[in-house]
């Protein structure tokens, strides 16, 4: 199951293992360059820069909402190598 489905049907899986602690913390720095935030969005979503920048404002907000939802419980992310596989 994907984390977000775009209006064109593309399914996006947020991969927290692609984002470093430094990159995550920088999201809260108002001095961070927009290009750096965009690069983090591309890394975690697998979208190219053009694909990301062409998202509607609503889809961009949904993408970040999915990211922060996953960040609140990162060990539940099956994409993480360290996530538990026991059931």
C-alpha atoms as a PDB file:
ATOM      1  CA  UNK A   1       0.000   0.000   0.000  1.00  0.00           C
ATOM      2  CA  UNK A   2       1.390   3.367  -0.971  1.00  0.00           C
ATOM      3  CA  UNK A   3       1.619   6.381   1.308  1.00  0.00           C
ATOM      4  CA  UNK A   4      -0.050   8.716  -1.194  1.00  0.00           C
ATOM      5  CA  UNK A   5      -1.732   8.337  -4.560  1.00  0.00           C
ATOM      6  CA  UNK A   6      -1.475  11.347  -6.842  1.00  0.00           C
ATOM      7  CA  UNK A   7      -4.405  12.560  -8.928  1.00  0.00           C
ATOM      8  CA  UNK A   8      -2.817  10.993 -12.022  1.00  0.00           C
ATOM      9  CA  UNK A   9      -2.779   7.586 -10.305  1.00  0.00           C
ATOM     10  CA  UNK A  10       0.926   7.442  -9.451  1.00  0.00           C
ATOM     11  CA  UNK A  11       1.548   5.810  -6.108  1.00  0.00           C
ATOM     12  CA  UNK A  12       4.238   7.315  -3.907  1.00  0.00           C
ATOM     13  CA  UNK A  13       5.974   5.483  -1.091  1.00  0.00           C
ATOM     14  CA  UNK A  14       7.768   7.741   1.375  1.00  0.00           C
ATOM     15  CA  UNK A  15      11.203   6.262   2.102  1.00  0.00           C
ATOM     16  CA  UNK A  16      12.569   7.664   5.354  1.00  0.00           C
ATOM     17  CA  UNK A  17      15.841   5.795   4.895  1.00  0.00           C
ATOM     18  CA  UNK A  18      16.700   8.216   2.086  1.00  0.00           C
ATOM     19  CA  UNK A  19      16.628  11.267   4.381  1.00  0.00           C
ATOM     20  CA  UNK A  20      19.471  11.996   6.773  1.00  0.00           C
ATOM     21  CA  UNK A  21      18.960  13.437  10.240  1.00  0.00           C
ATOM     22  CA  UNK A  22      20.701  16.609   9.036  1.00  0.00           C
ATOM     23  CA  UNK A  23      18.279  16.949   6.105  1.00  0.00           C
ATOM     24  CA  UNK A  24      15.262  16.331   8.339  1.00  0.00           C
ATOM     25  CA  UNK A  25      16.372  18.913  10.904  1.00  0.00           C
ATOM     26  CA  UNK A  26      17.059  21.442   8.165  1.00  0.00           C
ATOM     27  CA  UNK A  27      13.365  21.330   7.201  1.00  0.00           C
ATOM     28  CA  UNK A  28      12.675  23.345  10.370  1.00  0.00           C
ATOM     29  CA  UNK A  29      15.348  25.976   9.640  1.00  0.00           C
ATOM     30  CA  UNK A  30      13.757  29.057   8.052  1.00  0.00           C
ATOM     31  CA  UNK A  31      17.130  29.867   6.479  1.00  0.00           C
ATOM     32  CA  UNK A  32      17.221  26.631   4.508  1.00  0.00           C
ATOM     33  CA  UNK A  33      17.344  27.201   0.763  1.00  0.00           C
ATOM     34  CA  UNK A  34      14.189  26.192  -1.111  1.00  0.00           C
ATOM     35  CA  UNK A  35      16.335  24.069  -3.431  1.00  0.00           C
ATOM     36  CA  UNK A  36      17.522  22.022  -0.445  1.00  0.00           C
ATOM     37  CA  UNK A  37      13.960  21.403   0.748  1.00  0.00           C
ATOM     38  CA  UNK A  38      12.984  20.411  -2.792  1.00  0.00           C
ATOM     39  CA  UNK A  39      15.921  17.989  -2.933  1.00  0.00           C
ATOM     40  CA  UNK A  40      14.793  16.366   0.322  1.00  0.00           C
ATOM     41  CA  UNK A  41      11.262  16.012  -1.053  1.00  0.00           C
ATOM     42  CA  UNK A  42      12.622  14.303  -4.154  1.00  0.00           C
ATOM     43  CA  UNK A  43      14.798  11.950  -2.129  1.00  0.00           C
ATOM     44  CA  UNK A  44      12.012  10.795   0.171  1.00  0.00           C
ATOM     45  CA  UNK A  45       9.395  10.472  -2.560  1.00  0.00           C
ATOM     46  CA  UNK A  46      11.388   9.184  -5.512  1.00  0.00           C
ATOM     47  CA  UNK A  47      10.060  11.990  -7.697  1.00  0.00           C
ATOM     48  CA  UNK A  48      12.325  13.932 -10.025  1.00  0.00           C
ATOM     49  CA  UNK A  49      12.663  17.657  -9.360  1.00  0.00           C
ATOM     50  CA  UNK A  50      10.422  18.478 -12.325  1.00  0.00           C
ATOM     51  CA  UNK A  51       7.791  15.979 -11.153  1.00  0.00           C
ATOM     52  CA  UNK A  52       7.863  17.468  -7.664  1.00  0.00           C
ATOM     53  CA  UNK A  53       7.661  21.072  -8.857  1.00  0.00           C
ATOM     54  CA  UNK A  54       4.757  20.186 -11.172  1.00  0.00           C
ATOM     55  CA  UNK A  55       2.629  18.827  -8.315  1.00  0.00           C
ATOM     56  CA  UNK A  56      -0.419  20.877  -7.457  1.00  0.00           C
ATOM     57  CA  UNK A  57      -0.228  22.765  -4.195  1.00  0.00           C
ATOM     58  CA  UNK A  58      -2.732  20.324  -2.663  1.00  0.00           C
ATOM     59  CA  UNK A  59      -0.684  17.284  -3.725  1.00  0.00           C
ATOM     60  CA  UNK A  60       2.518  18.858  -2.434  1.00  0.00           C
ATOM     61  CA  UNK A  61       0.831  19.419   0.944  1.00  0.00           C
ATOM     62  CA  UNK A  62      -0.467  15.828   0.955  1.00  0.00           C
ATOM     63  CA  UNK A  63       3.059  14.565   0.217  1.00  0.00           C
ATOM     64  CA  UNK A  64       4.559  16.466   3.154  1.00  0.00           C
ATOM     65  CA  UNK A  65       1.675  15.408   5.377  1.00  0.00           C
ATOM     66  CA  UNK A  66       2.420  11.765   4.532  1.00  0.00           C
ATOM     67  CA  UNK A  67       6.113  12.376   5.268  1.00  0.00           C
ATOM     68  CA  UNK A  68       5.449  13.846   8.716  1.00  0.00           C
ATOM     69  CA  UNK A  69       2.906  11.141   9.515  1.00  0.00           C
ATOM     70  CA  UNK A  70       5.580   8.554   8.798  1.00  0.00           C
ATOM     71  CA  UNK A  71       8.204  10.499  10.759  1.00  0.00           C
ATOM     72  CA  UNK A  72       6.014  10.293  13.880  1.00  0.00           C
ATOM     73  CA  UNK A  73       6.340   6.485  13.828  1.00  0.00           C
ATOM     74  CA  UNK A  74       9.431   5.726  11.747  1.00  0.00           C
ATOM     75  CA  UNK A  75       9.958   2.158  12.907  1.00  0.00           C
ATOM     76  CA  UNK A  76       6.606   1.172  11.419  1.00  0.00           C
ATOM     77  CA  UNK A  77       8.025   1.981   7.940  1.00  0.00           C
ATOM     78  CA  UNK A  78       8.542  -1.328   6.085  1.00  0.00           C
ATOM     79  CA  UNK A  79      11.033   0.435   3.780  1.00  0.00           C
ATOM     80  CA  UNK A  80      13.518   0.831   6.617  1.00  0.00           C
ATOM     81  CA  UNK A  81      16.221  -1.787   6.723  1.00  0.00           C
ATOM     82  CA  UNK A  82      16.099  -1.880  10.523  1.00  0.00           C
ATOM     83  CA  UNK A  83      12.316  -2.268  10.733  1.00  0.00           C
ATOM     84  CA  UNK A  84      11.189  -5.391  12.514  1.00  0.00           C
ATOM     85  CA  UNK A  85       9.870  -8.166  10.309  1.00  0.00           C
ATOM     86  CA  UNK A  86       8.539 -10.293  13.149  1.00  0.00           C
ATOM     87  CA  UNK A  87       4.795 -10.604  13.477  1.00  0.00           C
END
